[in-house]
Amino acid sequence: MESKAFYAHSLENKPCQEWHLLEDHLRATASLASQFADEFGSGQWAYLAGLWHDLGRYSIKKRR
């Protein structure tokens, strides 16, 4: 079975090797959200929210 890459952000007129991978984007956002929310004791919740915030971009349907 072929492995597919999923992207959070693509750059017009740039090769897909320069696009932002979805997993990298979700983990980076989760980490940043956790750092901000640690100040009021909600770092773990913010991390989870960061992981899930763009999950709708993950789709096995053929994209146009």
N, C-alpha and C. Protein backbone atom coordinates (compact mmCIF):
# COMPACT_ATOMS: atom_id res chain seq x y z
N MET A 1 0.84 -1.18 0.00
CA MET A 1 0.00 0.00 0.00
C MET A 1 0.89 1.25 0.00
N GLU A 2 0.55 2.18 -0.84
CA GLU A 2 1.33 3.39 -0.99
C GLU A 2 1.12 4.33 0.21
N SER A 3 2.20 4.88 0.70
CA SER A 3 2.13 5.85 1.79
C SER A 3 1.88 7.23 1.20
N LYS A 4 0.94 7.96 1.78
CA LYS A 4 0.62 9.30 1.28
C LYS A 4 1.05 10.33 2.30
N ALA A 5 1.48 11.46 1.81
CA ALA A 5 1.81 12.57 2.69
C ALA A 5 0.59 13.48 2.78
N PHE A 6 0.37 14.03 3.94
CA PHE A 6 -0.72 14.97 4.16
C PHE A 6 -0.11 16.29 4.58
N TYR A 7 -0.66 17.36 4.06
CA TYR A 7 -0.07 18.68 4.26
C TYR A 7 -1.04 19.62 4.97
N ALA A 8 -0.47 20.45 5.84
CA ALA A 8 -1.24 21.49 6.51
C ALA A 8 -1.28 22.73 5.64
N HIS A 9 -0.17 23.02 5.03
CA HIS A 9 -0.06 24.22 4.20
C HIS A 9 0.75 23.89 2.96
N SER A 10 0.32 24.40 1.85
CA SER A 10 1.08 24.25 0.62
C SER A 10 1.47 25.64 0.13
N LEU A 11 2.52 25.69 -0.65
CA LEU A 11 3.01 26.96 -1.16
C LEU A 11 2.84 26.99 -2.66
N GLU A 12 2.11 27.97 -3.14
CA GLU A 12 1.86 28.08 -4.58
C GLU A 12 3.18 28.20 -5.34
N ASN A 13 3.28 27.48 -6.42
CA ASN A 13 4.46 27.48 -7.28
C ASN A 13 5.72 26.93 -6.62
N LYS A 14 5.54 26.17 -5.53
CA LYS A 14 6.68 25.54 -4.86
C LYS A 14 6.48 24.02 -4.90
N PRO A 15 7.57 23.26 -4.96
CA PRO A 15 7.44 21.80 -4.96
C PRO A 15 6.92 21.31 -3.60
N CYS A 16 6.25 20.15 -3.61
CA CYS A 16 5.66 19.65 -2.38
C CYS A 16 6.70 19.38 -1.28
N GLN A 17 7.96 19.24 -1.65
CA GLN A 17 9.00 19.05 -0.64
C GLN A 17 9.15 20.28 0.27
N GLU A 18 8.65 21.42 -0.18
CA GLU A 18 8.72 22.65 0.62
C GLU A 18 7.42 22.93 1.37
N TRP A 19 6.42 22.09 1.20
CA TRP A 19 5.15 22.29 1.89
C TRP A 19 5.28 21.84 3.35
N HIS A 20 4.35 22.30 4.18
CA HIS A 20 4.36 22.00 5.61
C HIS A 20 3.57 20.72 5.86
N LEU A 21 4.27 19.68 6.29
CA LEU A 21 3.60 18.41 6.57
C LEU A 21 2.60 18.57 7.71
N LEU A 22 1.46 17.92 7.59
CA LEU A 22 0.40 18.03 8.59
C LEU A 22 0.88 17.59 9.97
N GLU A 23 1.55 16.45 10.06
CA GLU A 23 2.00 15.99 11.37
C GLU A 23 2.95 16.98 12.03
N ASP A 24 3.88 17.53 11.27
CA ASP A 24 4.81 18.53 11.82
C ASP A 24 4.06 19.77 12.30
N HIS A 25 3.09 20.22 11.51
CA HIS A 25 2.29 21.39 11.87
C HIS A 25 1.50 21.15 13.15
N LEU A 26 0.84 20.00 13.24
CA LEU A 26 0.03 19.71 14.42
C LEU A 26 0.88 19.62 15.68
N ARG A 27 2.03 18.95 15.59
CA ARG A 27 2.91 18.83 16.76
C ARG A 27 3.49 20.18 17.19
N ALA A 28 3.88 21.01 16.22
CA ALA A 28 4.43 22.32 16.55
C ALA A 28 3.38 23.21 17.19
N THR A 29 2.17 23.18 16.66
CA THR A 29 1.08 23.97 17.22
C THR A 29 0.74 23.49 18.62
N ALA A 30 0.70 22.18 18.82
CA ALA A 30 0.41 21.61 20.13
C ALA A 30 1.44 22.04 21.15
N SER A 31 2.69 22.01 20.77
CA SER A 31 3.77 22.40 21.69
C SER A 31 3.66 23.88 22.07
N LEU A 32 3.41 24.72 21.09
CA LEU A 32 3.28 26.15 21.36
C LEU A 32 2.06 26.44 22.23
N ALA A 33 0.95 25.82 21.93
CA ALA A 33 -0.26 26.02 22.72
C ALA A 33 -0.03 25.57 24.16
N SER A 34 0.66 24.47 24.34
CA SER A 34 0.97 23.97 25.68
C SER A 34 1.80 24.97 26.46
N GLN A 35 2.80 25.55 25.81
CA GLN A 35 3.65 26.53 26.49
C GLN A 35 2.84 27.73 26.97
N PHE A 36 1.94 28.23 26.13
CA PHE A 36 1.10 29.37 26.53
C PHE A 36 0.17 28.99 27.67
N ALA A 37 -0.45 27.83 27.59
CA ALA A 37 -1.46 27.43 28.57
C ALA A 37 -0.87 26.93 29.88
N ASP A 38 0.40 26.58 29.89
CA ASP A 38 1.05 26.16 31.14
C ASP A 38 0.95 27.25 32.20
N GLU A 39 0.91 28.50 31.77
CA GLU A 39 0.85 29.63 32.71
C GLU A 39 -0.40 29.60 33.57
N PHE A 40 -1.47 28.97 33.07
CA PHE A 40 -2.69 28.89 33.89
C PHE A 40 -3.12 27.44 34.12
N GLY A 41 -2.14 26.52 34.08
CA GLY A 41 -2.37 25.14 34.47
C GLY A 41 -3.12 24.27 33.48
N SER A 42 -3.14 24.67 32.21
CA SER A 42 -3.90 23.91 31.21
C SER A 42 -3.05 23.46 30.04
N GLY A 43 -1.77 23.27 30.27
CA GLY A 43 -0.86 22.89 29.21
C GLY A 43 -1.22 21.60 28.50
N GLN A 44 -1.63 20.60 29.27
CA GLN A 44 -1.99 19.31 28.65
C GLN A 44 -3.23 19.43 27.78
N TRP A 45 -4.23 20.19 28.24
CA TRP A 45 -5.44 20.39 27.43
C TRP A 45 -5.11 21.15 26.15
N ALA A 46 -4.28 22.16 26.26
CA ALA A 46 -3.91 22.94 25.08
C ALA A 46 -3.11 22.10 24.10
N TYR A 47 -2.27 21.22 24.61
CA TYR A 47 -1.50 20.34 23.73
C TYR A 47 -2.46 19.48 22.91
N LEU A 48 -3.45 18.90 23.57
CA LEU A 48 -4.43 18.07 22.86
C LEU A 48 -5.22 18.89 21.84
N ALA A 49 -5.61 20.09 22.22
CA ALA A 49 -6.34 20.95 21.28
C ALA A 49 -5.47 21.28 20.07
N GLY A 50 -4.19 21.52 20.31
CA GLY A 50 -3.28 21.81 19.21
C GLY A 50 -3.12 20.63 18.27
N LEU A 51 -3.10 19.42 18.82
CA LEU A 51 -2.99 18.23 17.99
C LEU A 51 -4.22 18.05 17.10
N TRP A 52 -5.37 18.44 17.58
CA TRP A 52 -6.62 18.19 16.87
C TRP A 52 -7.11 19.36 16.03
N HIS A 53 -6.51 20.54 16.16
CA HIS A 53 -7.11 21.74 15.58
C HIS A 53 -7.25 21.72 14.05
N ASP A 54 -6.39 21.04 13.34
CA ASP A 54 -6.45 21.00 11.87
C ASP A 54 -6.63 19.57 11.36
N LEU A 55 -7.12 18.71 12.19
CA LEU A 55 -7.21 17.31 11.80
C LEU A 55 -8.13 17.10 10.59
N GLY A 56 -9.03 18.03 10.34
CA GLY A 56 -9.91 17.95 9.19
C GLY A 56 -9.16 17.99 7.86
N ARG A 57 -7.91 18.42 7.89
CA ARG A 57 -7.10 18.43 6.67
C ARG A 57 -6.63 17.03 6.29
N TYR A 58 -6.76 16.10 7.21
CA TYR A 58 -6.38 14.71 6.93
C TYR A 58 -7.56 14.04 6.23
N SER A 59 -7.36 13.66 5.00
CA SER A 59 -8.42 13.04 4.23
C SER A 59 -7.82 12.11 3.19
N ILE A 60 -8.40 10.93 3.05
CA ILE A 60 -7.92 10.01 2.04
C ILE A 60 -8.68 10.19 0.73
N LYS A 61 -9.68 11.06 0.72
CA LYS A 61 -10.39 11.36 -0.52
C LYS A 61 -9.44 12.04 -1.49
N LYS A 62 -9.65 11.79 -2.76
CA LYS A 62 -8.81 12.41 -3.78
C LYS A 62 -9.03 13.91 -3.76
N ARG A 63 -7.94 14.63 -3.67
CA ARG A 63 -8.01 16.09 -3.61
C ARG A 63 -7.81 16.67 -5.00
N ARG A 64 -8.46 17.77 -5.25
CA ARG A 64 -8.32 18.45 -6.55
C ARG A 64 -7.17 19.41 -6.53
